[in-house]
């Protein structure tokens, strides 16, 4: 994972932001692995703090931009998801992992730490204890253990992660896009004090009541038919 990959992710984010017809984002590796992480051949040459800070900032900015998109994101994890590769998956909304996957943040073994969200997202997702075990040892875990810890939402057999993720993405694409975007915004408020977070939830829920999709969804439920959501 290097700056060229980040540029590709930025272009994908541009497309998602500009096209309302894109209802869900499916993320997967191009080969047998999700991602082995950042480009160590580039990182090893960085002796100056300002160079490292600029490089790290690009990773953080790109990953956070993907996470902030209104569309839900689903990651299909096969093979290695290490370092920055795992961190990118952590920013996705839903993670589906195969039993043979290997997930970890090995940076401490190279005298560094995860810097694209790993030290912040792992404790929030797993709790301090499991997160510290991953961060301090640098040892990877397999897909089954990742599922047991709650890092993944679905466990499938080797080679089946992409198909499973595609089914989830296709289902999400049938739902009301404004409601999905609203749910994502409401969940992001979890970092706020509880009173502020509850106000965020109230505001978003009330705004959705003014949408055509909300009326369509409730009417379809009462009429026992499949709703037709238009994103308005």
C-alpha atoms as a PDB file:
ATOM      1  CA  UNK A   1       0.000   0.000   0.000  1.00  0.00           C
ATOM      2  CA  UNK A   2       1.665   3.200  -1.209  1.00  0.00           C
ATOM      3  CA  UNK A   3       0.785   6.705  -2.353  1.00  0.00           C
ATOM      4  CA  UNK A   4      -0.425   5.394  -5.717  1.00  0.00           C
ATOM      5  CA  UNK A   5      -2.922   3.159  -3.918  1.00  0.00           C
ATOM      6  CA  UNK A   6      -4.048   6.105  -1.814  1.00  0.00           C
ATOM      7  CA  UNK A   7      -4.553   8.143  -4.983  1.00  0.00           C
ATOM      8  CA  UNK A   8      -6.736   5.359  -6.344  1.00  0.00           C
ATOM      9  CA  UNK A   9      -8.795   5.365  -3.167  1.00  0.00           C
ATOM     10  CA  UNK A  10      -9.202   9.125  -3.469  1.00  0.00           C
ATOM     11  CA  UNK A  11     -10.496   8.720  -7.025  1.00  0.00           C
ATOM     12  CA  UNK A  12     -12.933   6.072  -5.831  1.00  0.00           C
ATOM     13  CA  UNK A  13     -14.129   8.432  -3.106  1.00  0.00           C
ATOM     14  CA  UNK A  14     -14.630  11.171  -5.719  1.00  0.00           C
ATOM     15  CA  UNK A  15     -16.853   8.818  -7.732  1.00  0.00           C
ATOM     16  CA  UNK A  16     -18.860   7.772  -4.686  1.00  0.00           C
ATOM     17  CA  UNK A  17     -19.436  11.372  -3.622  1.00  0.00           C
ATOM     18  CA  UNK A  18     -20.555  12.427  -7.102  1.00  0.00           C
ATOM     19  CA  UNK A  19     -22.852   9.520  -7.983  1.00  0.00           C
ATOM     20  CA  UNK A  20     -26.060   8.966  -6.025  1.00  0.00           C
ATOM     21  CA  UNK A  21     -26.538   5.679  -7.878  1.00  0.00           C
ATOM     22  CA  UNK A  22     -23.638   4.208  -5.893  1.00  0.00           C
ATOM     23  CA  UNK A  23     -25.377   2.736  -2.863  1.00  0.00           C
ATOM     24  CA  UNK A  24     -22.575   0.721  -1.245  1.00  0.00           C
ATOM     25  CA  UNK A  25     -18.786   0.372  -1.395  1.00  0.00           C
ATOM     26  CA  UNK A  26     -17.206  -3.082  -1.590  1.00  0.00           C
ATOM     27  CA  UNK A  27     -13.525  -3.306  -0.644  1.00  0.00           C
ATOM     28  CA  UNK A  28     -11.311  -6.322  -1.365  1.00  0.00           C
ATOM     29  CA  UNK A  29      -7.792  -7.215  -2.420  1.00  0.00           C
ATOM     30  CA  UNK A  30      -6.841  -7.676  -6.056  1.00  0.00           C
ATOM     31  CA  UNK A  31      -5.244 -11.079  -5.469  1.00  0.00           C
ATOM     32  CA  UNK A  32      -5.232 -13.690  -2.735  1.00  0.00           C
ATOM     33  CA  UNK A  33      -4.656 -11.130   0.024  1.00  0.00           C
ATOM     34  CA  UNK A  34      -6.553  -8.104   1.292  1.00  0.00           C
ATOM     35  CA  UNK A  35      -3.411  -6.019   1.875  1.00  0.00           C
ATOM     36  CA  UNK A  36       0.002  -6.681   3.407  1.00  0.00           C
ATOM     37  CA  UNK A  37       0.195  -3.064   4.586  1.00  0.00           C
ATOM     38  CA  UNK A  38       2.259   0.015   3.878  1.00  0.00           C
ATOM     39  CA  UNK A  39       5.230   0.142   1.522  1.00  0.00           C
ATOM     40  CA  UNK A  40       8.181  -0.644   3.809  1.00  0.00           C
ATOM     41  CA  UNK A  41      10.704   0.105   1.052  1.00  0.00           C
ATOM     42  CA  UNK A  42       9.497   3.709   1.159  1.00  0.00           C
ATOM     43  CA  UNK A  43       9.160   3.921   4.924  1.00  0.00           C
ATOM     44  CA  UNK A  44      12.688   2.634   5.592  1.00  0.00           C
ATOM     45  CA  UNK A  45      14.206   5.641   3.793  1.00  0.00           C
ATOM     46  CA  UNK A  46      12.400   8.208   5.943  1.00  0.00           C
ATOM     47  CA  UNK A  47      14.846   9.659   8.454  1.00  0.00           C
ATOM     48  CA  UNK A  48      13.165  13.013   9.005  1.00  0.00           C
ATOM     49  CA  UNK A  49      10.142  13.410  11.250  1.00  0.00           C
ATOM     50  CA  UNK A  50       8.492  15.885   8.867  1.00  0.00           C
ATOM     51  CA  UNK A  51       8.663  13.371   5.988  1.00  0.00           C
ATOM     52  CA  UNK A  52       7.120  10.648   8.102  1.00  0.00           C
ATOM     53  CA  UNK A  53       4.450  13.016   9.364  1.00  0.00           C
ATOM     54  CA  UNK A  54       3.452  13.967   5.805  1.00  0.00           C
ATOM     55  CA  UNK A  55       3.332  10.304   4.725  1.00  0.00           C
ATOM     56  CA  UNK A  56       1.258   9.295   7.748  1.00  0.00           C
ATOM     57  CA  UNK A  57      -1.085  12.239   7.245  1.00  0.00           C
ATOM     58  CA  UNK A  58      -1.897  11.065   3.709  1.00  0.00           C
ATOM     59  CA  UNK A  59      -2.866   7.618   4.973  1.00  0.00           C
ATOM     60  CA  UNK A  60      -4.998   9.003   7.788  1.00  0.00           C
ATOM     61  CA  UNK A  61      -6.728  11.565   5.587  1.00  0.00           C
ATOM     62  CA  UNK A  62      -7.575   9.061   2.851  1.00  0.00           C
ATOM     63  CA  UNK A  63      -8.848   6.359   5.205  1.00  0.00           C
ATOM     64  CA  UNK A  64     -10.942   8.841   7.173  1.00  0.00           C
ATOM     65  CA  UNK A  65     -12.415  10.190   3.956  1.00  0.00           C
ATOM     66  CA  UNK A  66     -13.547   6.704   2.915  1.00  0.00           C
ATOM     67  CA  UNK A  67     -15.079   6.191   6.356  1.00  0.00           C
ATOM     68  CA  UNK A  68     -16.940   9.501   6.127  1.00  0.00           C
ATOM     69  CA  UNK A  69     -18.646   8.694   2.812  1.00  0.00           C
ATOM     70  CA  UNK A  70     -22.432   8.505   3.026  1.00  0.00           C
ATOM     71  CA  UNK A  71     -22.422   5.011   1.521  1.00  0.00           C
ATOM     72  CA  UNK A  72     -21.780   2.026   3.797  1.00  0.00           C
ATOM     73  CA  UNK A  73     -18.553   0.129   3.145  1.00  0.00           C
ATOM     74  CA  UNK A  74     -18.048  -3.635   3.308  1.00  0.00           C
ATOM     75  CA  UNK A  75     -14.574  -5.200   3.470  1.00  0.00           C
ATOM     76  CA  UNK A  76     -13.973  -8.758   2.232  1.00  0.00           C
ATOM     77  CA  UNK A  77     -10.838 -10.021   3.968  1.00  0.00           C
ATOM     78  CA  UNK A  78      -8.910 -12.990   2.596  1.00  0.00           C
ATOM     79  CA  UNK A  79      -5.259 -13.786   3.229  1.00  0.00           C
ATOM     80  CA  UNK A  80      -3.118 -11.091   4.824  1.00  0.00           C
ATOM     81  CA  UNK A  81      -4.608  -7.926   6.290  1.00  0.00           C
ATOM     82  CA  UNK A  82      -1.596  -6.477   8.049  1.00  0.00           C
ATOM     83  CA  UNK A  83      -0.471  -3.057   9.209  1.00  0.00           C
ATOM     84  CA  UNK A  84      -2.028  -0.336   7.104  1.00  0.00           C
ATOM     85  CA  UNK A  85      -4.083  -2.968   5.318  1.00  0.00           C
ATOM     86  CA  UNK A  86      -5.834  -3.959   8.536  1.00  0.00           C
ATOM     87  CA  UNK A  87      -6.177  -0.310   9.510  1.00  0.00           C
ATOM     88  CA  UNK A  88      -7.984   0.410   6.254  1.00  0.00           C
ATOM     89  CA  UNK A  89     -10.354  -2.468   6.985  1.00  0.00           C
ATOM     90  CA  UNK A  90     -10.996  -1.032  10.463  1.00  0.00           C
ATOM     91  CA  UNK A  91     -12.315   2.157   8.864  1.00  0.00           C
ATOM     92  CA  UNK A  92     -14.867   0.142   6.863  1.00  0.00           C
ATOM     93  CA  UNK A  93     -18.347  -0.253   8.319  1.00  0.00           C
ATOM     94  CA  UNK A  94     -18.644  -4.035   7.971  1.00  0.00           C
ATOM     95  CA  UNK A  95     -15.847  -6.617   7.826  1.00  0.00           C
ATOM     96  CA  UNK A  96     -16.266 -10.170   6.538  1.00  0.00           C
ATOM     97  CA  UNK A  97     -13.300 -12.455   7.102  1.00  0.00           C
ATOM     98  CA  UNK A  98     -12.331 -15.929   5.940  1.00  0.00           C
ATOM     99  CA  UNK A  99     -11.049 -18.606   8.290  1.00  0.00           C
ATOM    100  CA  UNK A 100      -7.621 -18.561   6.639  1.00  0.00           C
ATOM    101  CA  UNK A 101      -7.138 -14.790   6.893  1.00  0.00           C
ATOM    102  CA  UNK A 102      -4.276 -13.398   8.971  1.00  0.00           C
ATOM    103  CA  UNK A 103      -4.873 -10.027  10.592  1.00  0.00           C
ATOM    104  CA  UNK A 104      -2.436  -7.985  12.621  1.00  0.00           C
ATOM    105  CA  UNK A 105      -0.461  -4.825  13.241  1.00  0.00           C
ATOM    106  CA  UNK A 106       3.219  -5.881  13.211  1.00  0.00           C
ATOM    107  CA  UNK A 107       4.677  -2.365  13.307  1.00  0.00           C
ATOM    108  CA  UNK A 108       6.097  -2.735  16.838  1.00  0.00           C
ATOM    109  CA  UNK A 109       8.366  -5.505  15.542  1.00  0.00           C
ATOM    110  CA  UNK A 110       9.955  -2.916  13.229  1.00  0.00           C
ATOM    111  CA  UNK A 111      10.359  -0.200  15.854  1.00  0.00           C
ATOM    112  CA  UNK A 112       7.204   1.687  14.895  1.00  0.00           C
ATOM    113  CA  UNK A 113       3.503   1.789  15.764  1.00  0.00           C
ATOM    114  CA  UNK A 114       0.353   1.704  13.633  1.00  0.00           C
ATOM    115  CA  UNK A 115      -0.304   5.240  12.450  1.00  0.00           C
ATOM    116  CA  UNK A 116      -3.423   5.086  10.271  1.00  0.00           C
ATOM    117  CA  UNK A 117      -5.895   4.563  13.082  1.00  0.00           C
ATOM    118  CA  UNK A 118      -4.821   1.244  14.587  1.00  0.00           C
ATOM    119  CA  UNK A 119      -3.995   2.549  18.061  1.00  0.00           C
ATOM    120  CA  UNK A 120      -7.327   4.375  18.237  1.00  0.00           C
ATOM    121  CA  UNK A 121      -9.775   2.066  16.465  1.00  0.00           C
ATOM    122  CA  UNK A 122      -8.670  -1.285  17.887  1.00  0.00           C
ATOM    123  CA  UNK A 123      -9.355  -0.306  21.536  1.00  0.00           C
ATOM    124  CA  UNK A 124     -12.703   1.187  20.514  1.00  0.00           C
ATOM    125  CA  UNK A 125     -13.706  -1.953  18.612  1.00  0.00           C
ATOM    126  CA  UNK A 126     -12.245  -4.679  20.826  1.00  0.00           C
ATOM    127  CA  UNK A 127     -11.679  -3.110  24.229  1.00  0.00           C
ATOM    128  CA  UNK A 128      -8.309  -2.248  25.737  1.00  0.00           C
ATOM    129  CA  UNK A 129      -7.124  -5.762  26.618  1.00  0.00           C
ATOM    130  CA  UNK A 130      -7.424  -7.502  23.230  1.00  0.00           C
ATOM    131  CA  UNK A 131      -6.264  -4.353  21.457  1.00  0.00           C
ATOM    132  CA  UNK A 132      -3.127  -4.081  23.573  1.00  0.00           C
ATOM    133  CA  UNK A 133      -2.299  -7.737  22.926  1.00  0.00           C
ATOM    134  CA  UNK A 134      -2.377  -7.079  19.189  1.00  0.00           C
ATOM    135  CA  UNK A 135      -0.550  -3.754  19.380  1.00  0.00           C
ATOM    136  CA  UNK A 136       2.209  -4.755  21.809  1.00  0.00           C
ATOM    137  CA  UNK A 137       3.067  -8.213  20.469  1.00  0.00           C
ATOM    138  CA  UNK A 138       2.617  -7.460  16.786  1.00  0.00           C
ATOM    139  CA  UNK A 139       1.484 -11.053  16.352  1.00  0.00           C
ATOM    140  CA  UNK A 140      -1.280 -11.775  13.820  1.00  0.00           C
ATOM    141  CA  UNK A 141      -4.510 -13.616  14.542  1.00  0.00           C
ATOM    142  CA  UNK A 142      -6.506 -15.828  12.231  1.00  0.00           C
ATOM    143  CA  UNK A 143      -9.955 -15.081  10.879  1.00  0.00           C
ATOM    144  CA  UNK A 144     -11.762 -17.180  13.468  1.00  0.00           C
ATOM    145  CA  UNK A 145     -10.089 -15.346  16.352  1.00  0.00           C
ATOM    146  CA  UNK A 146     -10.835 -12.004  14.690  1.00  0.00           C
ATOM    147  CA  UNK A 147     -14.499 -12.982  14.521  1.00  0.00           C
ATOM    148  CA  UNK A 148     -14.503 -14.127  18.159  1.00  0.00           C
ATOM    149  CA  UNK A 149     -13.035 -10.787  19.251  1.00  0.00           C
ATOM    150  CA  UNK A 150     -15.639  -8.838  17.293  1.00  0.00           C
ATOM    151  CA  UNK A 151     -13.186  -7.455  14.760  1.00  0.00           C
ATOM    152  CA  UNK A 152     -15.198  -9.110  11.980  1.00  0.00           C
ATOM    153  CA  UNK A 153     -18.978  -9.346  11.731  1.00  0.00           C
ATOM    154  CA  UNK A 154     -19.092 -12.550   9.681  1.00  0.00           C
ATOM    155  CA  UNK A 155     -16.800 -15.576   9.368  1.00  0.00           C
ATOM    156  CA  UNK A 156     -16.763 -17.643   6.174  1.00  0.00           C
ATOM    157  CA  UNK A 157     -14.680 -20.444   4.712  1.00  0.00           C
ATOM    158  CA  UNK A 158     -11.520 -19.730   2.737  1.00  0.00           C
ATOM    159  CA  UNK A 159     -12.263 -18.176  -0.634  1.00  0.00           C
ATOM    160  CA  UNK A 160     -15.823 -17.163   0.254  1.00  0.00           C
ATOM    161  CA  UNK A 161     -15.294 -13.692   1.757  1.00  0.00           C
ATOM    162  CA  UNK A 162     -15.835 -11.748  -1.455  1.00  0.00           C
ATOM    163  CA  UNK A 163     -19.059 -13.544  -2.357  1.00  0.00           C
ATOM    164  CA  UNK A 164     -20.371 -13.082   1.181  1.00  0.00           C
ATOM    165  CA  UNK A 165     -19.428  -9.402   1.175  1.00  0.00           C
ATOM    166  CA  UNK A 166     -21.057  -8.926  -2.211  1.00  0.00           C
ATOM    167  CA  UNK A 167     -24.318 -10.373  -0.879  1.00  0.00           C
ATOM    168  CA  UNK A 168     -24.227  -7.968   2.055  1.00  0.00           C
ATOM    169  CA  UNK A 169     -23.457  -5.035  -0.248  1.00  0.00           C
ATOM    170  CA  UNK A 170     -26.286  -5.983  -2.608  1.00  0.00           C
ATOM    171  CA  UNK A 171     -28.697  -6.103   0.325  1.00  0.00           C
ATOM    172  CA  UNK A 172     -27.543  -2.714   1.621  1.00  0.00           C
ATOM    173  CA  UNK A 173     -28.026  -1.288  -1.864  1.00  0.00           C
ATOM    174  CA  UNK A 174     -31.749  -2.081  -1.627  1.00  0.00           C
ATOM    175  CA  UNK A 175     -32.219  -0.047   1.559  1.00  0.00           C
ATOM    176  CA  UNK A 176     -32.955   3.656   1.943  1.00  0.00           C
ATOM    177  CA  UNK A 177     -29.682   5.501   1.244  1.00  0.00           C
ATOM    178  CA  UNK A 178     -30.598   8.503   3.387  1.00  0.00           C
ATOM    179  CA  UNK A 179     -31.328   6.220   6.336  1.00  0.00           C
ATOM    180  CA  UNK A 180     -28.016   4.412   5.877  1.00  0.00           C
ATOM    181  CA  UNK A 181     -26.155   7.715   5.733  1.00  0.00           C
ATOM    182  CA  UNK A 182     -28.070   8.909   8.783  1.00  0.00           C
ATOM    183  CA  UNK A 183     -27.179   5.785  10.733  1.00  0.00           C
ATOM    184  CA  UNK A 184     -23.498   6.300   9.919  1.00  0.00           C
ATOM    185  CA  UNK A 185     -23.622   9.921  11.080  1.00  0.00           C
ATOM    186  CA  UNK A 186     -25.427   8.986  14.274  1.00  0.00           C
ATOM    187  CA  UNK A 187     -22.883   6.301  15.129  1.00  0.00           C
ATOM    188  CA  UNK A 188     -20.008   8.746  14.592  1.00  0.00           C
ATOM    189  CA  UNK A 189     -21.491  10.804  17.418  1.00  0.00           C
ATOM    190  CA  UNK A 190     -20.496   8.051  19.859  1.00  0.00           C
ATOM    191  CA  UNK A 191     -17.269  10.000  20.463  1.00  0.00           C
ATOM    192  CA  UNK A 192     -19.313  12.942  21.821  1.00  0.00           C
ATOM    193  CA  UNK A 193     -20.617  13.329  25.384  1.00  0.00           C
ATOM    194  CA  UNK A 194     -23.828  11.324  25.769  1.00  0.00           C
ATOM    195  CA  UNK A 195     -26.177  14.327  25.848  1.00  0.00           C
ATOM    196  CA  UNK A 196     -24.702  15.697  22.617  1.00  0.00           C
ATOM    197  CA  UNK A 197     -24.784  12.269  20.996  1.00  0.00           C
ATOM    198  CA  UNK A 198     -28.460  11.829  21.880  1.00  0.00           C
ATOM    199  CA  UNK A 199     -29.231  15.232  20.383  1.00  0.00           C
ATOM    200  CA  UNK A 200     -27.464  14.155  17.194  1.00  0.00           C
ATOM    201  CA  UNK A 201     -29.589  11.012  17.092  1.00  0.00           C
ATOM    202  CA  UNK A 202     -32.803  13.013  17.646  1.00  0.00           C
ATOM    203  CA  UNK A 203     -31.911  15.485  14.919  1.00  0.00           C
ATOM    204  CA  UNK A 204     -31.075  12.861  12.310  1.00  0.00           C
ATOM    205  CA  UNK A 205     -34.110  10.718  13.134  1.00  0.00           C
ATOM    206  CA  UNK A 206     -36.420  13.732  12.889  1.00  0.00           C
ATOM    207  CA  UNK A 207     -34.871  14.832   9.586  1.00  0.00           C
ATOM    208  CA  UNK A 208     -35.479  11.387   8.105  1.00  0.00           C
ATOM    209  CA  UNK A 209     -39.188  11.659   8.907  1.00  0.00           C
ATOM    210  CA  UNK A 210     -39.400  14.440   6.320  1.00  0.00           C
ATOM    211  CA  UNK A 211     -38.067  12.216   3.516  1.00  0.00           C
ATOM    212  CA  UNK A 212     -40.079  10.419   0.876  1.00  0.00           C
ATOM    213  CA  UNK A 213     -38.145   7.239   1.541  1.00  0.00           C
ATOM    214  CA  UNK A 214     -39.318   7.170   5.159  1.00  0.00           C
ATOM    215  CA  UNK A 215     -42.932   7.447   4.032  1.00  0.00           C
ATOM    216  CA  UNK A 216     -42.384   4.822   1.341  1.00  0.00           C
ATOM    217  CA  UNK A 217     -40.728   2.443   3.786  1.00  0.00           C
ATOM    218  CA  UNK A 218     -43.468   2.637   6.401  1.00  0.00           C
ATOM    219  CA  UNK A 219     -46.247   2.517   3.815  1.00  0.00           C
ATOM    220  CA  UNK A 220     -44.683  -0.540   2.184  1.00  0.00           C
ATOM    221  CA  UNK A 221     -44.430  -2.226   5.583  1.00  0.00           C
ATOM    222  CA  UNK A 222     -48.134  -1.668   6.260  1.00  0.00           C
ATOM    223  CA  UNK A 223     -49.040  -2.827   2.757  1.00  0.00           C
ATOM    224  CA  UNK A 224     -46.796  -5.902   3.078  1.00  0.00           C
ATOM    225  CA  UNK A 225     -44.779  -5.132  -0.047  1.00  0.00           C
ATOM    226  CA  UNK A 226     -41.165  -4.428  -0.902  1.00  0.00           C
ATOM    227  CA  UNK A 227     -40.353  -0.712  -0.606  1.00  0.00           C
ATOM    228  CA  UNK A 228     -38.967   1.235  -3.561  1.00  0.00           C
ATOM    229  CA  UNK A 229     -36.438   3.678  -2.183  1.00  0.00           C
ATOM    230  CA  UNK A 230     -35.363   6.604  -4.362  1.00  0.00           C
ATOM    231  CA  UNK A 231     -32.909   8.357  -2.066  1.00  0.00           C
ATOM    232  CA  UNK A 232     -35.161  11.372  -1.501  1.00  0.00           C
END
